[in-house]
C-alpha atoms as a PDB file:
ATOM      1  CA  MET A   1      53.600  -4.367  -5.047  1.00  0.00           C
ATOM      2  CA  LYS A   2      50.475  -4.779  -2.965  1.00  0.00           C
ATOM      3  CA  ARG A   3      49.859  -2.365  -0.131  1.00  0.00           C
ATOM      4  CA  LYS A   4      48.891  -4.187   3.040  1.00  0.00           C
ATOM      5  CA  ILE A   5      46.631  -3.135   5.856  1.00  0.00           C
ATOM      6  CA  ARG A   6      48.589  -2.050   8.908  1.00  0.00           C
ATOM      7  CA  ARG A   7      46.877  -2.696  12.202  1.00  0.00           C
ATOM      8  CA  ILE A   8      48.324  -1.167  15.370  1.00  0.00           C
ATOM      9  CA  PRO A   9      47.682  -3.714  18.142  1.00  0.00           C
ATOM     10  CA  VAL A  10      46.871  -2.786  21.694  1.00  0.00           C
ATOM     11  CA  ALA A  11      49.541  -4.135  24.066  1.00  0.00           C
ATOM     12  CA  PRO A  12      48.503  -7.666  25.082  1.00  0.00           C
ATOM     13  CA  LEU A  13      48.332  -6.886  28.806  1.00  0.00           C
ATOM     14  CA  ALA A  14      46.379  -3.683  28.238  1.00  0.00           C
ATOM     15  CA  ALA A  15      43.993  -5.499  25.922  1.00  0.00           C
ATOM     16  CA  ALA A  16      43.412  -8.224  28.490  1.00  0.00           C
ATOM     17  CA  VAL A  17      42.715  -5.683  31.225  1.00  0.00           C
ATOM     18  CA  LEU A  18      40.346  -3.770  28.957  1.00  0.00           C
ATOM     19  CA  LEU A  19      38.414  -6.863  27.949  1.00  0.00           C
ATOM     20  CA  PHE A  20      38.186  -8.010  31.577  1.00  0.00           C
ATOM     21  CA  ALA A  21      36.819  -4.613  32.563  1.00  0.00           C
ATOM     22  CA  LEU A  22      34.267  -4.797  29.767  1.00  0.00           C
ATOM     23  CA  CYS A  23      33.102  -8.197  30.942  1.00  0.00           C
ATOM     24  CA  LEU A  24      32.472  -6.681  34.360  1.00  0.00           C
ATOM     25  CA  THR A  25      30.641  -3.597  33.115  1.00  0.00           C
ATOM     26  CA  LEU A  26      28.621  -4.948  30.175  1.00  0.00           C
ATOM     27  CA  PRO A  27      25.108  -6.224  30.924  1.00  0.00           C
ATOM     28  CA  LEU A  28      24.723 -10.000  30.887  1.00  0.00           C
ATOM     29  CA  SER A  29      22.639  -9.770  27.701  1.00  0.00           C
ATOM     30  CA  ALA A  30      25.401  -7.969  25.785  1.00  0.00           C
ATOM     31  CA  SER A  31      26.695  -9.906  22.789  1.00  0.00           C
ATOM     32  CA  ALA A  32      30.267 -10.747  21.833  1.00  0.00           C
ATOM     33  CA  GLU A  33      29.956  -8.180  19.057  1.00  0.00           C
ATOM     34  CA  ASP A  34      29.130  -5.506  21.649  1.00  0.00           C
ATOM     35  CA  ALA A  35      32.232  -6.381  23.650  1.00  0.00           C
ATOM     36  CA  GLY A  36      34.304  -6.263  20.458  1.00  0.00           C
ATOM     37  CA  PHE A  37      32.817  -2.909  19.550  1.00  0.00           C
ATOM     38  CA  ASP A  38      33.693  -1.291  22.865  1.00  0.00           C
ATOM     39  CA  ALA A  39      37.199  -2.718  22.979  1.00  0.00           C
ATOM     40  CA  TYR A  40      37.941  -1.622  19.438  1.00  0.00           C
ATOM     41  CA  TRP A  41      36.204   1.737  19.230  1.00  0.00           C
ATOM     42  CA  HIS A  42      37.078   3.194  22.636  1.00  0.00           C
ATOM     43  CA  ASP A  43      40.848   2.734  22.529  1.00  0.00           C
ATOM     44  CA  GLY A  44      41.591   6.427  21.918  1.00  0.00           C
ATOM     45  CA  LEU A  45      42.387   5.976  18.222  1.00  0.00           C
ATOM     46  CA  ALA A  46      40.583   6.571  14.935  1.00  0.00           C
ATOM     47  CA  GLU A  47      40.312   4.151  12.033  1.00  0.00           C
ATOM     48  CA  LEU A  48      41.613   5.605   8.763  1.00  0.00           C
ATOM     49  CA  ASP A  49      40.822   3.890   5.452  1.00  0.00           C
ATOM     50  CA  GLY A  50      42.199   5.064   2.102  1.00  0.00           C
ATOM     51  CA  TYR A  51      40.666   4.331  -1.304  1.00  0.00           C
ATOM     52  CA  ASP A  52      41.298   4.731  -5.004  1.00  0.00           C
ATOM     53  CA  LEU A  53      38.109   6.396  -6.213  1.00  0.00           C
ATOM     54  CA  THR A  54      36.411   6.530  -9.597  1.00  0.00           C
ATOM     55  CA  VAL A  55      33.482   8.952  -9.932  1.00  0.00           C
ATOM     56  CA  SER A  56      31.118   9.543 -12.825  1.00  0.00           C
ATOM     57  CA  ARG A  57      30.721  13.301 -13.370  1.00  0.00           C
ATOM     58  CA  TYR A  58      29.624  15.271 -16.467  1.00  0.00           C
ATOM     59  CA  GLY A  59      29.250  12.008 -18.368  1.00  0.00           C
ATOM     60  CA  GLU A  60      32.836  10.853 -17.842  1.00  0.00           C
ATOM     61  CA  GLU A  61      34.664   8.793 -15.264  1.00  0.00           C
ATOM     62  CA  ARG A  62      37.065  10.741 -13.030  1.00  0.00           C
ATOM     63  CA  GLN A  63      39.934   9.392 -10.941  1.00  0.00           C
ATOM     64  CA  GLY A  64      40.428  10.513  -7.373  1.00  0.00           C
ATOM     65  CA  THR A  65      40.924   9.427  -3.799  1.00  0.00           C
ATOM     66  CA  ALA A  66      38.706   8.910  -0.780  1.00  0.00           C
ATOM     67  CA  VAL A  67      39.413   8.670   2.934  1.00  0.00           C
ATOM     68  CA  MET A  68      37.046   7.297   5.571  1.00  0.00           C
ATOM     69  CA  ILE A  69      37.700   8.389   9.137  1.00  0.00           C
ATOM     70  CA  TYR A  70      35.807   6.513  11.874  1.00  0.00           C
ATOM     71  CA  VAL A  71      36.049   7.572  15.513  1.00  0.00           C
ATOM     72  CA  THR A  72      33.870   7.645  18.634  1.00  0.00           C
ATOM     73  CA  GLU A  73      33.180  10.995  20.299  1.00  0.00           C
ATOM     74  CA  PRO A  74      31.019  12.360  23.119  1.00  0.00           C
ATOM     75  CA  PHE A  75      28.192  14.267  21.435  1.00  0.00           C
ATOM     76  CA  SER A  76      25.724  16.863  22.698  1.00  0.00           C
ATOM     77  CA  GLU A  77      22.039  15.964  22.403  1.00  0.00           C
ATOM     78  CA  LYS A  78      21.037  19.622  22.407  1.00  0.00           C
ATOM     79  CA  LYS A  79      23.828  21.361  20.497  1.00  0.00           C
ATOM     80  CA  LEU A  80      24.600  18.437  18.151  1.00  0.00           C
ATOM     81  CA  VAL A  81      28.344  19.013  18.368  1.00  0.00           C
ATOM     82  CA  LYS A  82      31.258  17.201  19.962  1.00  0.00           C
ATOM     83  CA  VAL A  83      31.538  18.130  23.637  1.00  0.00           C
ATOM     84  CA  ASP A  84      34.825  19.026  25.311  1.00  0.00           C
ATOM     85  CA  ASP A  85      34.007  17.354  28.635  1.00  0.00           C
ATOM     86  CA  ALA A  86      31.767  14.292  28.526  1.00  0.00           C
ATOM     87  CA  ASN A  87      31.274  14.432  32.297  1.00  0.00           C
ATOM     88  CA  ALA A  88      30.105  18.061  32.415  1.00  0.00           C
ATOM     89  CA  ASN A  89      26.520  17.266  31.434  1.00  0.00           C
ATOM     90  CA  ARG A  90      25.929  13.533  31.227  1.00  0.00           C
ATOM     91  CA  ARG A  91      22.190  13.903  30.598  1.00  0.00           C
ATOM     92  CA  ASP A  92      22.913  15.868  27.426  1.00  0.00           C
ATOM     93  CA  THR A  93      25.776  13.679  26.213  1.00  0.00           C
ATOM     94  CA  PHE A  94      25.730  10.432  24.254  1.00  0.00           C
ATOM     95  CA  ASP A  95      28.437   8.326  22.654  1.00  0.00           C
ATOM     96  CA  ALA A  96      28.555   8.893  18.892  1.00  0.00           C
ATOM     97  CA  LEU A  97      30.353   7.040  16.136  1.00  0.00           C
ATOM     98  CA  LYS A  98      31.460   9.572  13.546  1.00  0.00           C
ATOM     99  CA  LEU A  99      32.268   8.867   9.913  1.00  0.00           C
ATOM    100  CA  ASN A 100      33.947  11.556   7.852  1.00  0.00           C
ATOM    101  CA  LEU A 101      34.011  10.482   4.201  1.00  0.00           C
ATOM    102  CA  VAL A 102      36.257  12.726   2.117  1.00  0.00           C
ATOM    103  CA  ARG A 103      36.208  12.467  -1.675  1.00  0.00           C
ATOM    104  CA  ASP A 104      38.586  14.429  -3.936  1.00  0.00           C
ATOM    105  CA  PHE A 105      38.573  14.140  -7.718  1.00  0.00           C
ATOM    106  CA  GLN A 106      39.502  16.185 -10.781  1.00  0.00           C
ATOM    107  CA  THR A 107      37.147  17.329 -13.559  1.00  0.00           C
ATOM    108  CA  GLY A 108      39.207  18.831 -16.332  1.00  0.00           C
ATOM    109  CA  ILE A 109      40.833  22.057 -15.172  1.00  0.00           C
ATOM    110  CA  TYR A 110      39.186  22.116 -11.744  1.00  0.00           C
ATOM    111  CA  ASP A 111      38.741  19.721  -8.876  1.00  0.00           C
ATOM    112  CA  TYR A 112      35.977  18.716  -6.487  1.00  0.00           C
ATOM    113  CA  ASN A 113      36.521  18.432  -2.745  1.00  0.00           C
ATOM    114  CA  THR A 114      33.596  16.937  -0.842  1.00  0.00           C
ATOM    115  CA  MET A 115      33.073  15.678   2.688  1.00  0.00           C
ATOM    116  CA  SER A 116      30.145  13.912   4.308  1.00  0.00           C
ATOM    117  CA  SER A 117      30.180  13.925   8.105  1.00  0.00           C
ATOM    118  CA  LEU A 118      27.826  11.419   9.733  1.00  0.00           C
ATOM    119  CA  PHE A 119      27.128  11.120  13.455  1.00  0.00           C
ATOM    120  CA  VAL A 120      25.236   8.056  14.693  1.00  0.00           C
ATOM    121  CA  ARG A 121      24.476   6.794  18.180  1.00  0.00           C
ATOM    122  CA  SER A 122      27.029   4.112  18.870  1.00  0.00           C
ATOM    123  CA  ASP A 123      24.544   1.837  20.649  1.00  0.00           C
ATOM    124  CA  ASP A 124      22.127   1.372  17.731  1.00  0.00           C
ATOM    125  CA  PHE A 125      23.644   3.426  14.849  1.00  0.00           C
ATOM    126  CA  ARG A 126      20.622   5.704  14.478  1.00  0.00           C
ATOM    127  CA  PRO A 127      21.689   8.939  12.732  1.00  0.00           C
ATOM    128  CA  SER A 128      21.674  12.174  14.701  1.00  0.00           C
ATOM    129  CA  LYS A 129      23.257  14.605  12.255  1.00  0.00           C
ATOM    130  CA  ILE A 130      24.739  14.653   8.767  1.00  0.00           C
ATOM    131  CA  SER A 131      26.621  17.577   7.284  1.00  0.00           C
ATOM    132  CA  PHE A 132      27.936  17.763   3.738  1.00  0.00           C
ATOM    133  CA  SER A 133      30.142  20.248   1.930  1.00  0.00           C
ATOM    134  CA  SER A 134      31.221  20.476  -1.680  1.00  0.00           C
ATOM    135  CA  ALA A 135      33.851  22.923  -2.903  1.00  0.00           C
ATOM    136  CA  GLU A 136      34.850  23.392  -6.531  1.00  0.00           C
ATOM    137  CA  TRP A 137      35.858  26.350  -8.657  1.00  0.00           C
ATOM    138  CA  CYS A 138      32.280  27.488  -9.277  1.00  0.00           C
ATOM    139  CA  GLY A 139      31.414  27.785  -5.586  1.00  0.00           C
ATOM    140  CA  HIS A 140      30.327  26.127  -2.334  1.00  0.00           C
ATOM    141  CA  VAL A 141      27.421  23.921  -1.327  1.00  0.00           C
ATOM    142  CA  TYR A 142      26.678  23.107   2.321  1.00  0.00           C
ATOM    143  CA  ASP A 143      23.894  20.788   3.476  1.00  0.00           C
ATOM    144  CA  GLU A 144      23.002  19.945   7.079  1.00  0.00           C
ATOM    145  CA  ARG A 145      20.418  17.336   8.049  1.00  0.00           C
ATOM    146  CA  ILE A 146      19.274  16.992  11.654  1.00  0.00           C
ATOM    147  CA  PHE A 147      17.412  13.820  12.626  1.00  0.00           C
ATOM    148  CA  ARG A 148      14.823  14.285  15.349  1.00  0.00           C
ATOM    149  CA  ARG A 149      11.950  12.127  16.489  1.00  0.00           C
ATOM    150  CA  GLY A 150       9.498  12.024  13.588  1.00  0.00           C
ATOM    151  CA  LYS A 151      11.232  14.603  11.376  1.00  0.00           C
ATOM    152  CA  VAL A 152      14.378  15.468   9.440  1.00  0.00           C
ATOM    153  CA  GLU A 153      15.303  19.158   9.380  1.00  0.00           C
ATOM    154  CA  ARG A 154      17.272  20.157   6.334  1.00  0.00           C
ATOM    155  CA  SER A 155      19.239  23.406   5.838  1.00  0.00           C
ATOM    156  CA  LEU A 156      20.840  23.797   2.409  1.00  0.00           C
ATOM    157  CA  ARG A 157      23.069  26.695   1.361  1.00  0.00           C
ATOM    158  CA  SER A 158      24.286  26.863  -2.219  1.00  0.00           C
ATOM    159  CA  TYR A 159      26.206  29.154  -4.512  1.00  0.00           C
ATOM    160  CA  PHE A 160      23.760  28.216  -7.266  1.00  0.00           C
ATOM    161  CA  GLU A 161      20.502  30.133  -7.787  1.00  0.00           C
ATOM    162  CA  ASP A 162      17.275  28.684  -6.368  1.00  0.00           C
ATOM    163  CA  ARG A 163      19.100  25.770  -4.699  1.00  0.00           C
ATOM    164  CA  SER A 164      19.149  26.970  -1.075  1.00  0.00           C
ATOM    165  CA  GLU A 165      16.268  25.936   1.191  1.00  0.00           C
ATOM    166  CA  GLU A 166      15.013  25.169   4.671  1.00  0.00           C
ATOM    167  CA  ARG A 167      12.774  22.111   4.704  1.00  0.00           C
ATOM    168  CA  ARG A 168      11.381  19.391   6.935  1.00  0.00           C
ATOM    169  CA  ILE A 169      10.377  15.900   5.957  1.00  0.00           C
ATOM    170  CA  SER A 170       9.242  12.892   7.986  1.00  0.00           C
ATOM    171  CA  ASN A 171      11.726  10.657   9.782  1.00  0.00           C
ATOM    172  CA  PRO A 172      10.397   7.080   9.691  1.00  0.00           C
ATOM    173  CA  SER A 173      11.687   5.005  12.575  1.00  0.00           C
ATOM    174  CA  GLU A 174      12.925   2.220  10.299  1.00  0.00           C
ATOM    175  CA  GLY A 175      14.382   4.455   7.602  1.00  0.00           C
ATOM    176  CA  ILE A 176      17.979   4.160   6.358  1.00  0.00           C
ATOM    177  CA  VAL A 177      20.034   7.114   5.149  1.00  0.00           C
ATOM    178  CA  GLU A 178      22.497   6.446   2.366  1.00  0.00           C
ATOM    179  CA  GLU A 179      25.556   7.728   4.243  1.00  0.00           C
ATOM    180  CA  ASN A 180      24.860   5.165   6.967  1.00  0.00           C
ATOM    181  CA  LEU A 181      25.345   2.225   4.608  1.00  0.00           C
ATOM    182  CA  PHE A 182      29.076   2.663   5.240  1.00  0.00           C
ATOM    183  CA  ILE A 183      28.470   1.884   8.930  1.00  0.00           C
ATOM    184  CA  LEU A 184      25.465  -0.443   8.949  1.00  0.00           C
ATOM    185  CA  LEU A 185      26.794  -2.917   6.386  1.00  0.00           C
ATOM    186  CA  ARG A 186      29.998  -3.389   8.400  1.00  0.00           C
ATOM    187  CA  GLY A 187      28.053  -5.214  11.099  1.00  0.00           C
ATOM    188  CA  LEU A 188      29.993  -3.664  13.963  1.00  0.00           C
ATOM    189  CA  ARG A 189      27.567  -5.075  16.550  1.00  0.00           C
ATOM    190  CA  GLY A 190      26.495  -8.122  14.574  1.00  0.00           C
ATOM    191  CA  ALA A 191      25.664  -8.871  10.948  1.00  0.00           C
ATOM    192  CA  PHE A 192      23.281  -6.432   9.270  1.00  0.00           C
ATOM    193  CA  LEU A 193      21.565  -9.306   7.427  1.00  0.00           C
ATOM    194  CA  LYS A 194      21.857 -13.071   7.527  1.00  0.00           C
ATOM    195  CA  GLU A 195      23.368 -14.947   4.596  1.00  0.00           C
ATOM    196  CA  GLY A 196      20.955 -14.935   1.689  1.00  0.00           C
ATOM    197  CA  GLU A 197      18.594 -12.506   3.449  1.00  0.00           C
ATOM    198  CA  ARG A 198      16.904  -9.740   1.485  1.00  0.00           C
ATOM    199  CA  LYS A 199      15.018  -6.773   2.973  1.00  0.00           C
ATOM    200  CA  SER A 200      13.299  -3.636   1.729  1.00  0.00           C
ATOM    201  CA  PHE A 201      13.867  -0.352   3.569  1.00  0.00           C
ATOM    202  CA  VAL A 202      12.613   3.202   3.455  1.00  0.00           C
ATOM    203  CA  PHE A 203      15.665   5.029   2.124  1.00  0.00           C
ATOM    204  CA  LEU A 204      16.944   8.627   1.985  1.00  0.00           C
ATOM    205  CA  PRO A 205      19.568   9.429  -0.695  1.00  0.00           C
ATOM    206  CA  SER A 206      22.712  11.228   0.431  1.00  0.00           C
ATOM    207  CA  SER A 207      23.638  14.884   0.005  1.00  0.00           C
ATOM    208  CA  TYR A 208      26.578  13.684  -2.074  1.00  0.00           C
ATOM    209  CA  ALA A 209      24.281  11.740  -4.420  1.00  0.00           C
ATOM    210  CA  GLU A 210      22.092  14.836  -4.699  1.00  0.00           C
ATOM    211  CA  ARG A 211      24.991  17.198  -5.475  1.00  0.00           C
ATOM    212  CA  ILE A 212      26.914  14.942  -7.864  1.00  0.00           C
ATOM    213  CA  GLY A 213      24.202  12.636  -9.177  1.00  0.00           C
ATOM    214  CA  GLY A 214      20.966  14.617  -8.900  1.00  0.00           C
ATOM    215  CA  ALA A 215      19.223  12.328  -6.375  1.00  0.00           C
ATOM    216  CA  PRO A 216      16.206  14.039  -4.727  1.00  0.00           C
ATOM    217  CA  PHE A 217      15.890  14.935  -1.048  1.00  0.00           C
ATOM    218  CA  GLU A 218      12.943  12.654  -0.367  1.00  0.00           C
ATOM    219  CA  TRP A 219      12.341   9.220   1.082  1.00  0.00           C
ATOM    220  CA  THR A 220      12.209   6.382  -1.384  1.00  0.00           C
ATOM    221  CA  THR A 221      12.820   2.645  -1.032  1.00  0.00           C
ATOM    222  CA  ALA A 222      15.845   0.403  -1.324  1.00  0.00           C
ATOM    223  CA  VAL A 223      16.315  -3.338  -1.254  1.00  0.00           C
ATOM    224  CA  VAL A 224      19.437  -4.694   0.443  1.00  0.00           C
ATOM    225  CA  LYS A 225      20.527  -8.298  -0.032  1.00  0.00           C
ATOM    226  CA  ARG A 226      23.388 -10.224   1.520  1.00  0.00           C
ATOM    227  CA  GLU A 227      24.752 -12.825  -0.844  1.00  0.00           C
ATOM    228  CA  LYS A 228      25.568 -16.310   0.430  1.00  0.00           C
ATOM    229  CA  GLY A 229      29.164 -17.270   1.122  1.00  0.00           C
ATOM    230  CA  LEU A 230      32.310 -15.165   0.796  1.00  0.00           C
ATOM    231  CA  ARG A 231      33.950 -13.521  -2.222  1.00  0.00           C
ATOM    232  CA  GLU A 232      37.710 -13.300  -2.650  1.00  0.00           C
ATOM    233  CA  THR A 233      38.244  -9.640  -3.469  1.00  0.00           C
ATOM    234  CA  GLU A 234      41.535  -8.166  -4.646  1.00  0.00           C
ATOM    235  CA  VAL A 235      42.198  -4.440  -4.231  1.00  0.00           C
ATOM    236  CA  PRO A 236      45.405  -2.372  -3.930  1.00  0.00           C
ATOM    237  CA  ALA A 237      45.546  -3.183  -0.184  1.00  0.00           C
ATOM    238  CA  GLY A 238      45.619  -6.926  -0.885  1.00  0.00           C
ATOM    239  CA  ARG A 239      43.259  -9.921  -1.065  1.00  0.00           C
ATOM    240  CA  PHE A 240      40.334 -10.296   1.292  1.00  0.00           C
ATOM    241  CA  ASP A 241      37.534 -12.769   1.926  1.00  0.00           C
ATOM    242  CA  THR A 242      34.517 -10.474   1.785  1.00  0.00           C
ATOM    243  CA  ILE A 243      30.816 -10.423   2.500  1.00  0.00           C
ATOM    244  CA  LEU A 244      28.868  -9.032  -0.445  1.00  0.00           C
ATOM    245  CA  TYR A 245      25.854  -6.779   0.000  1.00  0.00           C
ATOM    246  CA  LYS A 246      23.846  -5.632  -3.015  1.00  0.00           C
ATOM    247  CA  VAL A 247      21.732  -2.479  -2.894  1.00  0.00           C
ATOM    248  CA  GLU A 248      18.905  -1.661  -5.306  1.00  0.00           C
ATOM    249  CA  ILE A 249      17.464   1.850  -4.918  1.00  0.00           C
ATOM    250  CA  SER A 250      14.107   2.805  -6.389  1.00  0.00           C
ATOM    251  CA  GLY A 251      14.759   4.837  -9.521  1.00  0.00           C
ATOM    252  CA  GLY A 252      17.518   2.649 -10.881  1.00  0.00           C
ATOM    253  CA  ARG A 253      20.665   3.176  -8.807  1.00  0.00           C
ATOM    254  CA  THR A 254      22.295  -0.100  -7.813  1.00  0.00           C
ATOM    255  CA  GLY A 255      25.444  -0.796  -5.880  1.00  0.00           C
ATOM    256  CA  GLU A 256      27.646  -3.405  -4.227  1.00  0.00           C
ATOM    257  CA  PHE A 257      29.558  -3.319  -0.944  1.00  0.00           C
ATOM    258  CA  PHE A 258      32.368  -5.826  -0.320  1.00  0.00           C
ATOM    259  CA  VAL A 259      33.038  -6.029   3.430  1.00  0.00           C
ATOM    260  CA  ASP A 260      35.991  -7.766   5.058  1.00  0.00           C
ATOM    261  CA  SER A 261      34.727 -10.906   6.784  1.00  0.00           C
ATOM    262  CA  LYS A 262      37.035 -10.275   9.773  1.00  0.00           C
ATOM    263  CA  TYR A 263      36.288  -7.730  12.479  1.00  0.00           C
ATOM    264  CA  PRO A 264      36.196  -4.718  12.253  1.00  0.00           C
ATOM    265  CA  HIS A 265      34.794  -5.525   8.803  1.00  0.00           C
ATOM    266  CA  VAL A 266      36.455  -2.746   6.832  1.00  0.00           C
ATOM    267  CA  ILE A 267      34.768  -1.848   3.553  1.00  0.00           C
ATOM    268  CA  VAL A 268      37.125  -3.288   0.949  1.00  0.00           C
ATOM    269  CA  ARG A 269      35.318  -2.122  -2.182  1.00  0.00           C
ATOM    270  CA  TRP A 270      32.071  -0.371  -3.056  1.00  0.00           C
ATOM    271  CA  THR A 271      30.185   0.757  -6.131  1.00  0.00           C
ATOM    272  CA  LEU A 272      27.158   3.042  -5.868  1.00  0.00           C
ATOM    273  CA  PRO A 273      26.582   5.787  -8.455  1.00  0.00           C
ATOM    274  CA  PRO A 274      27.890   8.413  -8.789  1.00  0.00           C
ATOM    275  CA  ASP A 275      30.821   6.379  -7.398  1.00  0.00           C
ATOM    276  CA  SER A 276      31.861   3.892 -10.069  1.00  0.00           C
ATOM    277  CA  SER A 277      34.216   2.274  -7.571  1.00  0.00           C
ATOM    278  CA  GLY A 278      36.137   2.781  -4.363  1.00  0.00           C
ATOM    279  CA  GLU A 279      38.956   0.294  -3.713  1.00  0.00           C
ATOM    280  CA  LEU A 280      40.846   0.006  -0.432  1.00  0.00           C
ATOM    281  CA  THR A 281      44.486   1.108  -0.569  1.00  0.00           C
ATOM    282  CA  GLY A 282      45.244   0.730   3.142  1.00  0.00           C
ATOM    283  CA  SER A 283      43.854   0.906   6.662  1.00  0.00           C
ATOM    284  CA  THR A 284      45.333   1.871  10.014  1.00  0.00           C
ATOM    285  CA  ARG A 285      44.476   3.248  13.446  1.00  0.00           C
ATOM    286  CA  LEU A 286      46.029   6.512  14.556  1.00  0.00           C
ATOM    287  CA  PRO A 287      45.375   9.586  16.726  1.00  0.00           C
ATOM    288  CA  TYR A 288      45.308  11.619  13.507  1.00  0.00           C
ATOM    289  CA  TRP A 289      44.393  14.872  15.288  1.00  0.00           C
ATOM    290  CA  LYS A 290      47.892  14.887  16.821  1.00  0.00           C
ATOM    291  CA  LEU A 291      49.659  14.283  13.511  1.00  0.00           C
ATOM    292  CA  ASN A 292      49.560  17.828  12.122  1.00  0.00           C
ATOM    293  CA  GLY A 293      53.259  18.683  12.071  1.00  0.00           C
ATOM    294  CA  ASN A 294      55.575  19.010   9.108  1.00  0.00           C
ATOM    295  CA  GLY A 295      56.638  15.492   8.209  1.00  0.00           C
ATOM    296  CA  ASP A 296      53.501  13.787   9.475  1.00  0.00           C
ATOM    297  CA  GLU A 297      52.421  13.417   5.861  1.00  0.00           C
ATOM    298  CA  LYS A 298      54.391  10.157   5.981  1.00  0.00           C
ATOM    299  CA  TYR A 299      51.460   8.524   7.783  1.00  0.00           C
ATOM    300  CA  LEU A 300      49.423   8.770   4.593  1.00  0.00           C
ATOM    301  CA  GLY A 301      51.529   5.886   3.393  1.00  0.00           C
ATOM    302  CA  GLU A 302      49.804   3.669   5.948  1.00  0.00           C
ATOM    303  CA  ILE A 303      46.546   4.087   4.055  1.00  0.00           C
ATOM    304  CA  GLY A 304      48.199   3.757   0.658  1.00  0.00           C
ATOM    305  CA  LEU A 305      47.889   7.407  -0.368  1.00  0.00           C
ATOM    306  CA  GLY A 306      51.541   8.401  -0.535  1.00  0.00           C
ATOM    307  CA  GLY A 307      53.140  10.878   1.837  1.00  0.00           C
END
């Protein structure tokens, strides 16, 4: 039995009022995609996407699960944390789109639990901060990357000898970080590339790719291409007409991202080593931070991960 995406609609009247208000407040040059972004991403809910995950680790493929959590938050320019009161210091506060990508998979007797937390400015999706943690039976790894004008500040702490470091590298204005592919390719404010378009970018591999796949912490290049037309893609959540992006990273890593053609363009399937595949099991919108009581595990069923 196929697991379907469950979308929680905003009440029709409330949606109409919200869209009318947006038409009044948005600048005349704002696009339809901008209006859609604000209506969708500032409704007080988070988007939760579940995936069946296959990861290559220690020369073998491992089965696991992944969850992507997307939500907008007021973020401090100075402290680089979520602020409690967005009105307390407006000069220091900007609207951030956060993606928490949680991957859990088993390797023999012990498991891996990793999370990448990406904060981008919601107006142009430029990264502000990325944190990454990996926990398995040998120990912990924690990596934080702060993106400032002209530089990336990296602080790595590791259980393993000679792995911890403090380092700075350049921050090219047109560079793409790997974690941000999961936002940029969705085209939340308009398509990332036109049909058939192919572009080369300065590219920074992710902390996850470094920890699990050995990718270096240094800028390289990547070519991203959007294929023409749509692909019918079947995953546990159902069948989707998808936009296909192909990614070729210098050094040999290649991947594919299948993105739902309908807004909000959920990522239906992806492959990018060390991930052999991630396939959508379900998607919903919920105030997940309120669902922490006994019995709330049932909501995991809405993203196809049991409960």
